[in-house]
Amino acid sequence: MAVSLVDFLYYLVSSKLLAFTVLLTLGVVLVNGWTDAPNAIATCISTGSMPPRAAITMAAVFNFLGVVIMTALNSTVAQTIYKMVDFGEESHIALIAQCAALFAIVLWATAAWWFAIPTSESHALIAGITGAAIAVQGGISGINPAEWVKVLYGLGLSATMGFSLGWLALKVVERIFSGCDQQEVSRVFKKAQILGGAGMAFMHGAQDGQKFIAIFMLGFFLAQGQNATQFHVPLWLMILCSVVMALGTSIGGMRIIKSVGMDMVRLDKPQGFAADLAAIVCLLMASIAGIPVSTTHTKTTAIMGVGAANRLSSVNWRIVRHMVLAWILTFPGCGLIGYFMAKLFLAAF
């Protein structure tokens, strides 16, 4: 099912609740760019391969390309998120529940940013809408287990494969370039890091862009009282999500970049490239398979794997513990916020 920009604007003007839903959705996309997208370019900035402003501009461009190209080739990640929960047949109640879930995501992500913890907005999104669906349906009947299990697959994939590929990538790089002039190696990997940062930004758009597009489309169809099983992602929506995500990266990214790319592990240029390469491979495999994974988890575990391949003591395990604790708490924490926000919103509206 396709949605034209003209149709969207018509319904946006005629429905205040849809307008509020769209505003909240764009707010979540902004927060994603603010707190999640910086992970893609953390290593190329921390190693000095690119200045922050140029890296952010590059991330904005390749985020957009990732959304457009991967969605055109394979939109199964968006379809998975779209079908994950059921807010019920009453469109007014369903939209209120979705608004509550989005509000919960913004609260959770902002708190994580304040403490410079790179939590996953992907998992916050899934937890928020799940909690709201449980509140509306009065139980777990609003959850689609066939789609939800893909999240568990993605969680295992991003953690284990990110770490192991990071470890392996660094070992391969060191073996290939052992005995080479270190200044020349540094120059080669400075350029390679730019490609790695571009690739990571592309895959971030491919994964996270599709997730929020799905929420956008869900809100639109709920406002019309429709229950579309399949939908076509319009180009105007890809552009809108990409621009808002890029704006978020430009206004708040450095706090997360410092935590991931500087404080957790001190990387040189070959190590930074190895982390980017490992994360790109993992994200690409997940996107092709239609599995929603966290770009935050994938990139940070790849960096941990690279650091551990060098020596275990090079990783700041105190920061790792804080990150892992935040990841563990995201599902129950944001799920509970989504649940109680849905109850509150339904009582108020």
C-alpha atoms as a PDB file:
ATOM      1  CA  MET A   1       0.000   0.000   0.000  1.00  0.00           C
ATOM      2  CA  ALA A   2       1.442   3.362  -1.065  1.00  0.00           C
ATOM      3  CA  VAL A   3       1.026   6.760   0.608  1.00  0.00           C
ATOM      4  CA  SER A   4       1.542   9.922  -1.412  1.00  0.00           C
ATOM      5  CA  LEU A   5       2.822  13.123   0.160  1.00  0.00           C
ATOM      6  CA  VAL A   6      -0.410  14.909  -0.799  1.00  0.00           C
ATOM      7  CA  ASP A   7      -2.533  12.272   0.972  1.00  0.00           C
ATOM      8  CA  PHE A   8      -0.296  12.407   4.003  1.00  0.00           C
ATOM      9  CA  LEU A   9      -0.498  16.202   4.302  1.00  0.00           C
ATOM     10  CA  TYR A  10      -4.289  16.095   3.879  1.00  0.00           C
ATOM     11  CA  TYR A  11      -4.738  13.646   6.750  1.00  0.00           C
ATOM     12  CA  LEU A  12      -2.113  15.455   8.835  1.00  0.00           C
ATOM     13  CA  VAL A  13      -4.107  18.698   8.693  1.00  0.00           C
ATOM     14  CA  SER A  14      -7.434  16.976   9.365  1.00  0.00           C
ATOM     15  CA  SER A  15      -6.308  14.877  12.363  1.00  0.00           C
ATOM     16  CA  LYS A  16      -4.759  16.493  15.438  1.00  0.00           C
ATOM     17  CA  LEU A  17      -3.931  13.100  16.910  1.00  0.00           C
ATOM     18  CA  LEU A  18      -2.070  12.083  13.750  1.00  0.00           C
ATOM     19  CA  ALA A  19      -0.199  15.403  13.823  1.00  0.00           C
ATOM     20  CA  PHE A  20       0.832  14.722  17.431  1.00  0.00           C
ATOM     21  CA  THR A  21       1.906  11.179  16.516  1.00  0.00           C
ATOM     22  CA  VAL A  22       4.006  12.444  13.618  1.00  0.00           C
ATOM     23  CA  LEU A  23       5.608  15.085  15.848  1.00  0.00           C
ATOM     24  CA  LEU A  24       6.551  12.470  18.440  1.00  0.00           C
ATOM     25  CA  THR A  25       7.855  10.079  15.768  1.00  0.00           C
ATOM     26  CA  LEU A  26      10.097  12.772  14.334  1.00  0.00           C
ATOM     27  CA  GLY A  27      11.217  13.548  17.880  1.00  0.00           C
ATOM     28  CA  VAL A  28      12.301   9.926  18.315  1.00  0.00           C
ATOM     29  CA  VAL A  29      14.118  10.008  14.956  1.00  0.00           C
ATOM     30  CA  LEU A  30      15.884  13.197  16.112  1.00  0.00           C
ATOM     31  CA  VAL A  31      16.894  11.529  19.369  1.00  0.00           C
ATOM     32  CA  ASN A  32      18.140   8.509  17.426  1.00  0.00           C
ATOM     33  CA  GLY A  33      20.434  10.773  15.404  1.00  0.00           C
ATOM     34  CA  TRP A  34      21.402  12.550  18.602  1.00  0.00           C
ATOM     35  CA  THR A  35      22.298   9.462  20.639  1.00  0.00           C
ATOM     36  CA  ASP A  36      22.639   6.486  18.254  1.00  0.00           C
ATOM     37  CA  ALA A  37      23.973   7.627  14.871  1.00  0.00           C
ATOM     38  CA  PRO A  38      27.191   9.062  16.430  1.00  0.00           C
ATOM     39  CA  ASN A  39      28.337   5.478  17.082  1.00  0.00           C
ATOM     40  CA  ALA A  40      28.772   5.063  13.327  1.00  0.00           C
ATOM     41  CA  ILE A  41      31.422   7.766  13.105  1.00  0.00           C
ATOM     42  CA  ALA A  42      32.926   7.500  16.596  1.00  0.00           C
ATOM     43  CA  THR A  43      36.066   5.645  15.516  1.00  0.00           C
ATOM     44  CA  CYS A  44      36.982   7.790  12.505  1.00  0.00           C
ATOM     45  CA  ILE A  45      36.728  10.912  14.700  1.00  0.00           C
ATOM     46  CA  SER A  46      38.521   9.463  17.735  1.00  0.00           C
ATOM     47  CA  THR A  47      41.491   8.294  15.625  1.00  0.00           C
ATOM     48  CA  GLY A  48      41.808  11.712  13.958  1.00  0.00           C
ATOM     49  CA  SER A  49      40.965  10.414  10.490  1.00  0.00           C
ATOM     50  CA  MET A  50      38.202  13.008  10.071  1.00  0.00           C
ATOM     51  CA  PRO A  51      37.266  16.241  11.881  1.00  0.00           C
ATOM     52  CA  PRO A  52      33.871  16.088  13.628  1.00  0.00           C
ATOM     53  CA  ARG A  53      32.011  18.489  11.301  1.00  0.00           C
ATOM     54  CA  ALA A  54      33.108  16.663   8.144  1.00  0.00           C
ATOM     55  CA  ALA A  55      32.305  13.273   9.707  1.00  0.00           C
ATOM     56  CA  ILE A  56      28.816  14.440  10.706  1.00  0.00           C
ATOM     57  CA  THR A  57      28.167  15.723   7.176  1.00  0.00           C
ATOM     58  CA  MET A  58      29.363  12.430   5.743  1.00  0.00           C
ATOM     59  CA  ALA A  59      27.157  10.523   8.198  1.00  0.00           C
ATOM     60  CA  ALA A  60      24.116  12.541   7.138  1.00  0.00           C
ATOM     61  CA  VAL A  61      24.690  11.760   3.454  1.00  0.00           C
ATOM     62  CA  PHE A  62      25.316   8.048   3.941  1.00  0.00           C
ATOM     63  CA  ASN A  63      22.482   7.668   6.449  1.00  0.00           C
ATOM     64  CA  PHE A  64      20.178   8.892   3.685  1.00  0.00           C
ATOM     65  CA  LEU A  65      21.728   6.567   1.105  1.00  0.00           C
ATOM     66  CA  GLY A  66      21.402   3.654   3.514  1.00  0.00           C
ATOM     67  CA  VAL A  67      17.704   4.351   4.073  1.00  0.00           C
ATOM     68  CA  VAL A  68      16.948   4.759   0.357  1.00  0.00           C
ATOM     69  CA  ILE A  69      19.066   1.983  -1.151  1.00  0.00           C
ATOM     70  CA  MET A  70      18.507  -0.728   1.440  1.00  0.00           C
ATOM     71  CA  THR A  71      14.779   0.019   1.726  1.00  0.00           C
ATOM     72  CA  ALA A  72      14.467  -0.205  -2.055  1.00  0.00           C
ATOM     73  CA  LEU A  73      16.335  -3.531  -2.096  1.00  0.00           C
ATOM     74  CA  ASN A  74      14.956  -5.125   1.046  1.00  0.00           C
ATOM     75  CA  SER A  75      12.426  -3.519   3.422  1.00  0.00           C
ATOM     76  CA  THR A  76      11.948  -6.586   5.635  1.00  0.00           C
ATOM     77  CA  VAL A  77      13.351  -4.842   8.738  1.00  0.00           C
ATOM     78  CA  ALA A  78      10.598  -2.216   8.424  1.00  0.00           C
ATOM     79  CA  GLN A  79       7.990  -4.929   7.873  1.00  0.00           C
ATOM     80  CA  THR A  80       9.211  -6.803  10.975  1.00  0.00           C
ATOM     81  CA  ILE A  81       8.864  -3.763  13.250  1.00  0.00           C
ATOM     82  CA  TYR A  82       5.496  -2.885  11.703  1.00  0.00           C
ATOM     83  CA  LYS A  83       4.063  -6.331  12.524  1.00  0.00           C
ATOM     84  CA  MET A  84       5.653  -6.700  15.955  1.00  0.00           C
ATOM     85  CA  VAL A  85       2.710  -5.511  18.062  1.00  0.00           C
ATOM     86  CA  ASP A  86      -1.037  -5.033  17.785  1.00  0.00           C
ATOM     87  CA  PHE A  87      -2.571  -1.997  19.479  1.00  0.00           C
ATOM     88  CA  GLY A  88      -6.110  -3.203  18.796  1.00  0.00           C
ATOM     89  CA  GLU A  89      -8.851  -2.312  16.332  1.00  0.00           C
ATOM     90  CA  GLU A  90      -9.912   1.010  17.887  1.00  0.00           C
ATOM     91  CA  SER A  91      -7.788   3.521  15.967  1.00  0.00           C
ATOM     92  CA  HIS A  92      -8.098   6.347  18.519  1.00  0.00           C
ATOM     93  CA  ILE A  93      -6.893   4.140  21.391  1.00  0.00           C
ATOM     94  CA  ALA A  94      -4.177   2.591  19.228  1.00  0.00           C
ATOM     95  CA  LEU A  95      -2.771   5.985  18.261  1.00  0.00           C
ATOM     96  CA  ILE A  96      -2.742   7.137  21.873  1.00  0.00           C
ATOM     97  CA  ALA A  97      -0.847   3.971  22.826  1.00  0.00           C
ATOM     98  CA  GLN A  98       1.699   4.593  20.071  1.00  0.00           C
ATOM     99  CA  CYS A  99       2.182   8.176  21.243  1.00  0.00           C
ATOM    100  CA  ALA A 100       2.796   6.906  24.782  1.00  0.00           C
ATOM    101  CA  ALA A 101       5.403   4.435  23.504  1.00  0.00           C
ATOM    102  CA  LEU A 102       7.208   7.153  21.546  1.00  0.00           C
ATOM    103  CA  PHE A 103       7.192   9.463  24.562  1.00  0.00           C
ATOM    104  CA  ALA A 104       8.744   6.681  26.656  1.00  0.00           C
ATOM    105  CA  ILE A 105      11.530   6.224  24.082  1.00  0.00           C
ATOM    106  CA  VAL A 106      12.393   9.930  24.174  1.00  0.00           C
ATOM    107  CA  LEU A 107      12.579   9.881  27.985  1.00  0.00           C
ATOM    108  CA  TRP A 108      14.794   6.789  28.032  1.00  0.00           C
ATOM    109  CA  ALA A 109      17.137   7.968  25.290  1.00  0.00           C
ATOM    110  CA  THR A 110      17.559  11.448  26.756  1.00  0.00           C
ATOM    111  CA  ALA A 111      18.483   9.986  30.143  1.00  0.00           C
ATOM    112  CA  ALA A 112      21.040   7.702  28.482  1.00  0.00           C
ATOM    113  CA  TRP A 113      22.530  10.645  26.573  1.00  0.00           C
ATOM    114  CA  TRP A 114      22.804  12.667  29.790  1.00  0.00           C
ATOM    115  CA  PHE A 115      24.972   9.931  31.297  1.00  0.00           C
ATOM    116  CA  ALA A 116      26.855   9.481  27.966  1.00  0.00           C
ATOM    117  CA  ILE A 117      25.778   5.830  27.738  1.00  0.00           C
ATOM    118  CA  PRO A 118      25.274   4.640  24.140  1.00  0.00           C
ATOM    119  CA  THR A 119      22.010   2.811  24.724  1.00  0.00           C
ATOM    120  CA  SER A 120      20.112   1.339  21.799  1.00  0.00           C
ATOM    121  CA  GLU A 121      17.163   3.334  20.471  1.00  0.00           C
ATOM    122  CA  SER A 122      16.256   0.265  18.422  1.00  0.00           C
ATOM    123  CA  HIS A 123      15.691  -1.771  21.561  1.00  0.00           C
ATOM    124  CA  ALA A 124      14.066   1.194  23.321  1.00  0.00           C
ATOM    125  CA  LEU A 125      11.651   1.443  20.382  1.00  0.00           C
ATOM    126  CA  ILE A 126      10.793  -2.259  20.540  1.00  0.00           C
ATOM    127  CA  ALA A 127      10.437  -2.212  24.339  1.00  0.00           C
ATOM    128  CA  GLY A 128       8.316   0.958  24.305  1.00  0.00           C
ATOM    129  CA  ILE A 129       5.781  -0.262  21.757  1.00  0.00           C
ATOM    130  CA  THR A 130       5.662  -3.688  23.450  1.00  0.00           C
ATOM    131  CA  GLY A 131       4.888  -2.158  26.844  1.00  0.00           C
ATOM    132  CA  ALA A 132       2.200   0.058  25.336  1.00  0.00           C
ATOM    133  CA  ALA A 133       0.627  -2.885  23.488  1.00  0.00           C
ATOM    134  CA  ILE A 134       0.463  -4.904  26.725  1.00  0.00           C
ATOM    135  CA  ALA A 135      -1.204  -1.946  28.469  1.00  0.00           C
ATOM    136  CA  VAL A 136      -3.837  -1.594  25.747  1.00  0.00           C
ATOM    137  CA  GLN A 137      -4.577  -5.291  25.316  1.00  0.00           C
ATOM    138  CA  GLY A 138      -4.381  -6.134  29.007  1.00  0.00           C
ATOM    139  CA  GLY A 139      -1.832  -8.883  28.375  1.00  0.00           C
ATOM    140  CA  ILE A 140       0.640 -10.320  25.921  1.00  0.00           C
ATOM    141  CA  SER A 141      -1.962 -10.987  23.225  1.00  0.00           C
ATOM    142  CA  GLY A 142      -0.864  -7.743  21.551  1.00  0.00           C
ATOM    143  CA  ILE A 143       2.626  -9.147  20.891  1.00  0.00           C
ATOM    144  CA  ASN A 144       3.491 -11.074  17.740  1.00  0.00           C
ATOM    145  CA  PRO A 145       5.987 -13.719  18.977  1.00  0.00           C
ATOM    146  CA  ALA A 146       7.024 -14.731  15.445  1.00  0.00           C
ATOM    147  CA  GLU A 147       8.356 -11.205  14.824  1.00  0.00           C
ATOM    148  CA  TRP A 148       9.528 -10.541  18.383  1.00  0.00           C
ATOM    149  CA  VAL A 149      11.822 -13.562  18.372  1.00  0.00           C
ATOM    150  CA  LYS A 150      13.807 -11.907  15.590  1.00  0.00           C
ATOM    151  CA  VAL A 151      14.802  -9.250  18.123  1.00  0.00           C
ATOM    152  CA  LEU A 152      16.334 -11.940  20.333  1.00  0.00           C
ATOM    153  CA  TYR A 153      18.201 -13.325  17.333  1.00  0.00           C
ATOM    154  CA  GLY A 154      19.456  -9.820  16.593  1.00  0.00           C
ATOM    155  CA  LEU A 155      20.550  -9.276  20.184  1.00  0.00           C
ATOM    156  CA  GLY A 156      22.677 -12.405  20.119  1.00  0.00           C
ATOM    157  CA  LEU A 157      23.998 -11.627  16.644  1.00  0.00           C
ATOM    158  CA  SER A 158      25.045  -8.060  17.434  1.00  0.00           C
ATOM    159  CA  ALA A 159      26.828  -9.025  20.649  1.00  0.00           C
ATOM    160  CA  THR A 160      28.618 -12.246  19.710  1.00  0.00           C
ATOM    161  CA  MET A 161      29.335 -11.567  16.060  1.00  0.00           C
ATOM    162  CA  GLY A 162      30.294  -7.932  16.662  1.00  0.00           C
ATOM    163  CA  PHE A 163      32.890  -8.923  19.271  1.00  0.00           C
ATOM    164  CA  SER A 164      34.253 -11.958  17.425  1.00  0.00           C
ATOM    165  CA  LEU A 165      34.485 -10.214  14.048  1.00  0.00           C
ATOM    166  CA  GLY A 166      36.206  -7.234  15.684  1.00  0.00           C
ATOM    167  CA  TRP A 167      38.779  -9.567  17.224  1.00  0.00           C
ATOM    168  CA  LEU A 168      39.260 -11.452  13.936  1.00  0.00           C
ATOM    169  CA  ALA A 169      39.422  -8.321  11.758  1.00  0.00           C
ATOM    170  CA  LEU A 170      42.239  -6.824  13.825  1.00  0.00           C
ATOM    171  CA  LYS A 171      44.225 -10.079  13.756  1.00  0.00           C
ATOM    172  CA  VAL A 172      43.915 -10.210   9.944  1.00  0.00           C
ATOM    173  CA  VAL A 173      44.913  -6.560   9.562  1.00  0.00           C
ATOM    174  CA  GLU A 174      47.943  -7.010  11.817  1.00  0.00           C
ATOM    175  CA  ARG A 175      49.016 -10.138   9.939  1.00  0.00           C
ATOM    176  CA  ILE A 176      48.735  -8.453   6.523  1.00  0.00           C
ATOM    177  CA  PHE A 177      50.568  -5.282   7.522  1.00  0.00           C
ATOM    178  CA  SER A 178      53.158  -6.729   9.880  1.00  0.00           C
ATOM    179  CA  GLY A 179      56.625  -5.506   8.998  1.00  0.00           C
ATOM    180  CA  CYS A 180      55.326  -2.514   7.016  1.00  0.00           C
ATOM    181  CA  ASP A 181      56.392   1.059   7.712  1.00  0.00           C
ATOM    182  CA  GLN A 182      54.090   2.317  10.468  1.00  0.00           C
ATOM    183  CA  GLN A 183      53.790   5.849   9.078  1.00  0.00           C
ATOM    184  CA  GLU A 184      52.716   4.467   5.712  1.00  0.00           C
ATOM    185  CA  VAL A 185      50.261   2.105   7.423  1.00  0.00           C
ATOM    186  CA  SER A 186      48.800   5.053   9.312  1.00  0.00           C
ATOM    187  CA  ARG A 187      48.308   7.013   6.078  1.00  0.00           C
ATOM    188  CA  VAL A 188      46.619   4.045   4.386  1.00  0.00           C
ATOM    189  CA  PHE A 189      44.223   3.457   7.251  1.00  0.00           C
ATOM    190  CA  LYS A 190      43.401   7.131   7.622  1.00  0.00           C
ATOM    191  CA  LYS A 191      41.777   6.877   4.180  1.00  0.00           C
ATOM    192  CA  ALA A 192      40.358   3.442   4.963  1.00  0.00           C
ATOM    193  CA  GLN A 193      38.745   4.823   8.117  1.00  0.00           C
ATOM    194  CA  ILE A 194      36.838   7.387   6.072  1.00  0.00           C
ATOM    195  CA  LEU A 195      35.425   4.545   3.972  1.00  0.00           C
ATOM    196  CA  GLY A 196      34.675   2.615   7.155  1.00  0.00           C
ATOM    197  CA  GLY A 197      32.823   5.564   8.685  1.00  0.00           C
ATOM    198  CA  ALA A 198      30.813   6.015   5.490  1.00  0.00           C
ATOM    199  CA  GLY A 199      29.957   2.311   5.468  1.00  0.00           C
ATOM    200  CA  MET A 200      28.855   2.399   9.104  1.00  0.00           C
ATOM    201  CA  ALA A 201      26.656   5.464   8.489  1.00  0.00           C
ATOM    202  CA  PHE A 202      25.133   3.692   5.475  1.00  0.00           C
ATOM    203  CA  MET A 203      24.306   0.605   7.541  1.00  0.00           C
ATOM    204  CA  HIS A 204      22.923   2.727  10.380  1.00  0.00           C
ATOM    205  CA  GLY A 205      20.482   4.268   7.918  1.00  0.00           C
ATOM    206  CA  ALA A 206      19.690   0.836   6.495  1.00  0.00           C
ATOM    207  CA  GLN A 207      18.823  -0.565   9.936  1.00  0.00           C
ATOM    208  CA  ASP A 208      17.506   2.285  12.102  1.00  0.00           C
ATOM    209  CA  GLY A 209      15.960   4.292   9.286  1.00  0.00           C
ATOM    210  CA  GLN A 210      13.702   1.374   8.408  1.00  0.00           C
ATOM    211  CA  LYS A 211      12.625   0.885  12.032  1.00  0.00           C
ATOM    212  CA  PHE A 212      11.340   4.426  12.392  1.00  0.00           C
ATOM    213  CA  ILE A 213       9.805   4.420   8.944  1.00  0.00           C
ATOM    214  CA  ALA A 214       7.754   1.424  10.116  1.00  0.00           C
ATOM    215  CA  ILE A 215       6.506   3.360  13.159  1.00  0.00           C
ATOM    216  CA  PHE A 216       5.695   6.328  10.925  1.00  0.00           C
ATOM    217  CA  MET A 217       3.646   4.144   8.595  1.00  0.00           C
ATOM    218  CA  LEU A 218       1.931   2.374  11.503  1.00  0.00           C
ATOM    219  CA  GLY A 219       0.758   5.706  12.914  1.00  0.00           C
ATOM    220  CA  PHE A 220      -0.570   6.835   9.537  1.00  0.00           C
ATOM    221  CA  PHE A 221      -2.556   3.645   8.942  1.00  0.00           C
ATOM    222  CA  LEU A 222      -3.917   3.655  12.494  1.00  0.00           C
ATOM    223  CA  ALA A 223      -5.191   7.208  11.983  1.00  0.00           C
ATOM    224  CA  GLN A 224      -7.118   6.008   8.922  1.00  0.00           C
ATOM    225  CA  GLY A 225      -8.505   2.974  10.737  1.00  0.00           C
ATOM    226  CA  GLN A 226      -6.643   0.727   8.285  1.00  0.00           C
ATOM    227  CA  ASN A 227      -4.702  -2.446   8.928  1.00  0.00           C
ATOM    228  CA  ALA A 228      -2.319  -2.751   5.975  1.00  0.00           C
ATOM    229  CA  THR A 229      -0.349  -5.992   5.971  1.00  0.00           C
ATOM    230  CA  GLN A 230       2.180  -4.702   3.424  1.00  0.00           C
ATOM    231  CA  PHE A 231       3.200  -1.178   2.471  1.00  0.00           C
ATOM    232  CA  HIS A 232       5.426   0.677   0.050  1.00  0.00           C
ATOM    233  CA  VAL A 233       7.894   3.109   1.619  1.00  0.00           C
ATOM    234  CA  PRO A 234       7.644   6.464  -0.217  1.00  0.00           C
ATOM    235  CA  LEU A 235      10.761   8.428  -1.137  1.00  0.00           C
ATOM    236  CA  TRP A 236       9.539  11.576   0.640  1.00  0.00           C
ATOM    237  CA  LEU A 237       9.407   9.658   3.931  1.00  0.00           C
ATOM    238  CA  MET A 238      12.953   8.332   3.463  1.00  0.00           C
ATOM    239  CA  ILE A 239      14.172  11.895   2.897  1.00  0.00           C
ATOM    240  CA  LEU A 240      12.273  13.237   5.905  1.00  0.00           C
ATOM    241  CA  CYS A 241      13.622  10.606   8.308  1.00  0.00           C
ATOM    242  CA  SER A 242      17.171  10.993   6.988  1.00  0.00           C
ATOM    243  CA  VAL A 243      17.185  14.783   7.354  1.00  0.00           C
ATOM    244  CA  VAL A 244      15.799  14.705  10.901  1.00  0.00           C
ATOM    245  CA  MET A 245      18.269  11.969  11.895  1.00  0.00           C
ATOM    246  CA  ALA A 246      21.165  14.020  10.485  1.00  0.00           C
ATOM    247  CA  LEU A 247      19.991  17.092  12.420  1.00  0.00           C
ATOM    248  CA  GLY A 248      20.062  15.078  15.634  1.00  0.00           C
ATOM    249  CA  THR A 249      23.622  13.906  14.964  1.00  0.00           C
ATOM    250  CA  SER A 250      24.792  17.456  14.335  1.00  0.00           C
ATOM    251  CA  ILE A 251      23.471  18.868  17.626  1.00  0.00           C
ATOM    252  CA  GLY A 252      24.416  16.245  20.185  1.00  0.00           C
ATOM    253  CA  GLY A 253      26.696  13.569  18.845  1.00  0.00           C
ATOM    254  CA  MET A 254      30.041  14.402  20.437  1.00  0.00           C
ATOM    255  CA  ARG A 255      29.046  13.286  23.936  1.00  0.00           C
ATOM    256  CA  ILE A 256      28.456   9.702  22.742  1.00  0.00           C
ATOM    257  CA  ILE A 257      31.419   9.796  20.333  1.00  0.00           C
ATOM    258  CA  LYS A 258      33.754  10.563  23.233  1.00  0.00           C
ATOM    259  CA  SER A 259      32.337   7.748  25.375  1.00  0.00           C
ATOM    260  CA  VAL A 260      32.502   5.085  22.637  1.00  0.00           C
ATOM    261  CA  GLY A 261      35.533   6.130  20.605  1.00  0.00           C
ATOM    262  CA  MET A 262      37.810   7.581  23.258  1.00  0.00           C
ATOM    263  CA  ASP A 263      36.962   6.518  26.806  1.00  0.00           C
ATOM    264  CA  MET A 264      36.091   2.824  26.305  1.00  0.00           C
ATOM    265  CA  VAL A 265      39.087   1.878  24.128  1.00  0.00           C
ATOM    266  CA  ARG A 266      41.894   4.022  22.740  1.00  0.00           C
ATOM    267  CA  LEU A 267      42.163   3.018  19.097  1.00  0.00           C
ATOM    268  CA  ASP A 268      44.741   3.725  16.419  1.00  0.00           C
ATOM    269  CA  LYS A 269      43.719   3.956  12.762  1.00  0.00           C
ATOM    270  CA  PRO A 270      44.117   0.240  11.833  1.00  0.00           C
ATOM    271  CA  GLN A 271      42.158  -0.743  14.942  1.00  0.00           C
ATOM    272  CA  GLY A 272      39.430   1.762  14.134  1.00  0.00           C
ATOM    273  CA  PHE A 273      39.124   0.389  10.618  1.00  0.00           C
ATOM    274  CA  ALA A 274      38.937  -3.190  11.933  1.00  0.00           C
ATOM    275  CA  ALA A 275      36.071  -2.206  14.262  1.00  0.00           C
ATOM    276  CA  ASP A 276      34.188  -0.476  11.423  1.00  0.00           C
ATOM    277  CA  LEU A 277      34.676  -3.409   9.065  1.00  0.00           C
ATOM    278  CA  ALA A 278      33.446  -5.930  11.637  1.00  0.00           C
ATOM    279  CA  ALA A 279      30.345  -3.891  12.446  1.00  0.00           C
ATOM    280  CA  ILE A 280      29.521  -3.290   8.761  1.00  0.00           C
ATOM    281  CA  VAL A 281      29.664  -7.013   7.952  1.00  0.00           C
ATOM    282  CA  CYS A 282      27.450  -7.878  10.919  1.00  0.00           C
ATOM    283  CA  LEU A 283      24.870  -5.163  10.115  1.00  0.00           C
ATOM    284  CA  LEU A 284      24.794  -6.073   6.427  1.00  0.00           C
ATOM    285  CA  MET A 285      24.113  -9.732   7.187  1.00  0.00           C
ATOM    286  CA  ALA A 286      21.312  -8.790   9.592  1.00  0.00           C
ATOM    287  CA  SER A 287      19.723  -6.361   7.130  1.00  0.00           C
ATOM    288  CA  ILE A 288      19.722  -8.913   4.307  1.00  0.00           C
ATOM    289  CA  ALA A 289      18.129 -11.469   6.648  1.00  0.00           C
ATOM    290  CA  GLY A 290      15.529  -8.935   7.805  1.00  0.00           C
ATOM    291  CA  ILE A 291      16.658  -9.134  11.450  1.00  0.00           C
ATOM    292  CA  PRO A 292      16.429  -5.869  13.429  1.00  0.00           C
ATOM    293  CA  VAL A 293      19.716  -5.406  15.285  1.00  0.00           C
ATOM    294  CA  SER A 294      21.143  -2.557  17.287  1.00  0.00           C
ATOM    295  CA  THR A 295      23.823  -0.519  15.545  1.00  0.00           C
ATOM    296  CA  THR A 296      24.952   0.641  18.989  1.00  0.00           C
ATOM    297  CA  HIS A 297      25.471  -2.895  20.272  1.00  0.00           C
ATOM    298  CA  THR A 298      27.148  -4.017  17.066  1.00  0.00           C
ATOM    299  CA  LYS A 299      29.608  -1.131  16.878  1.00  0.00           C
ATOM    300  CA  THR A 300      30.510  -1.064  20.565  1.00  0.00           C
ATOM    301  CA  THR A 301      31.017  -4.845  20.801  1.00  0.00           C
ATOM    302  CA  ALA A 302      33.175  -4.686  17.658  1.00  0.00           C
ATOM    303  CA  ILE A 303      35.313  -2.029  19.378  1.00  0.00           C
ATOM    304  CA  MET A 304      35.526  -4.244  22.465  1.00  0.00           C
ATOM    305  CA  GLY A 305      36.634  -7.167  20.301  1.00  0.00           C
ATOM    306  CA  VAL A 306      39.348  -5.059  18.677  1.00  0.00           C
ATOM    307  CA  GLY A 307      40.543  -3.848  22.059  1.00  0.00           C
ATOM    308  CA  ALA A 308      40.580  -7.369  23.488  1.00  0.00           C
ATOM    309  CA  ALA A 309      42.525  -8.655  20.463  1.00  0.00           C
ATOM    310  CA  ASN A 310      45.232  -6.126  21.272  1.00  0.00           C
ATOM    311  CA  ARG A 311      45.211  -6.849  25.026  1.00  0.00           C
ATOM    312  CA  LEU A 312      42.398  -7.186  27.525  1.00  0.00           C
ATOM    313  CA  SER A 313      43.703  -4.364  29.688  1.00  0.00           C
ATOM    314  CA  SER A 314      43.303  -1.892  26.810  1.00  0.00           C
ATOM    315  CA  VAL A 315      39.527  -2.016  27.278  1.00  0.00           C
ATOM    316  CA  ASN A 316      38.017   0.145  30.020  1.00  0.00           C
ATOM    317  CA  TRP A 317      35.840  -2.584  31.497  1.00  0.00           C
ATOM    318  CA  ARG A 318      34.228  -0.184  33.972  1.00  0.00           C
ATOM    319  CA  ILE A 319      32.641   1.701  31.075  1.00  0.00           C
ATOM    320  CA  VAL A 320      31.755  -1.617  29.426  1.00  0.00           C
ATOM    321  CA  ARG A 321      29.918  -2.701  32.597  1.00  0.00           C
ATOM    322  CA  HIS A 322      27.907   0.524  32.592  1.00  0.00           C
ATOM    323  CA  MET A 323      27.007   0.035  28.933  1.00  0.00           C
ATOM    324  CA  VAL A 324      26.003  -3.603  29.367  1.00  0.00           C
ATOM    325  CA  LEU A 325      23.888  -2.717  32.402  1.00  0.00           C
ATOM    326  CA  ALA A 326      22.095  -0.059  30.361  1.00  0.00           C
ATOM    327  CA  TRP A 327      21.511  -2.563  27.537  1.00  0.00           C
ATOM    328  CA  ILE A 328      20.084  -5.115  29.989  1.00  0.00           C
ATOM    329  CA  LEU A 329      17.807  -2.539  31.583  1.00  0.00           C
ATOM    330  CA  THR A 330      16.518  -1.145  28.277  1.00  0.00           C
ATOM    331  CA  PHE A 331      13.898  -3.834  27.633  1.00  0.00           C
ATOM    332  CA  PRO A 332      12.302  -3.926  31.107  1.00  0.00           C
ATOM    333  CA  GLY A 333      12.935  -0.232  31.807  1.00  0.00           C
ATOM    334  CA  CYS A 334      11.613   1.272  28.598  1.00  0.00           C
ATOM    335  CA  GLY A 335       8.910  -1.403  28.432  1.00  0.00           C
ATOM    336  CA  LEU A 336       7.598  -0.385  31.861  1.00  0.00           C
ATOM    337  CA  ILE A 337       7.732   3.306  30.943  1.00  0.00           C
ATOM    338  CA  GLY A 338       5.799   2.535  27.746  1.00  0.00           C
ATOM    339  CA  TYR A 339       3.243   0.553  29.752  1.00  0.00           C
ATOM    340  CA  PHE A 340       2.619   3.242  32.364  1.00  0.00           C
ATOM    341  CA  MET A 341       2.705   6.059  29.816  1.00  0.00           C
ATOM    342  CA  ALA A 342       0.051   4.216  27.789  1.00  0.00           C
ATOM    343  CA  LYS A 343      -2.127   3.872  30.892  1.00  0.00           C
ATOM    344  CA  LEU A 344      -1.613   7.557  31.700  1.00  0.00           C
ATOM    345  CA  PHE A 345      -2.288   8.755  28.163  1.00  0.00           C
ATOM    346  CA  LEU A 346      -5.408   6.605  27.835  1.00  0.00           C
ATOM    347  CA  ALA A 347      -6.759   7.975  31.122  1.00  0.00           C
ATOM    348  CA  ALA A 348      -5.966  11.565  30.137  1.00  0.00           C
ATOM    349  CA  PHE A 349      -7.178  11.463  26.528  1.00  0.00           C
END
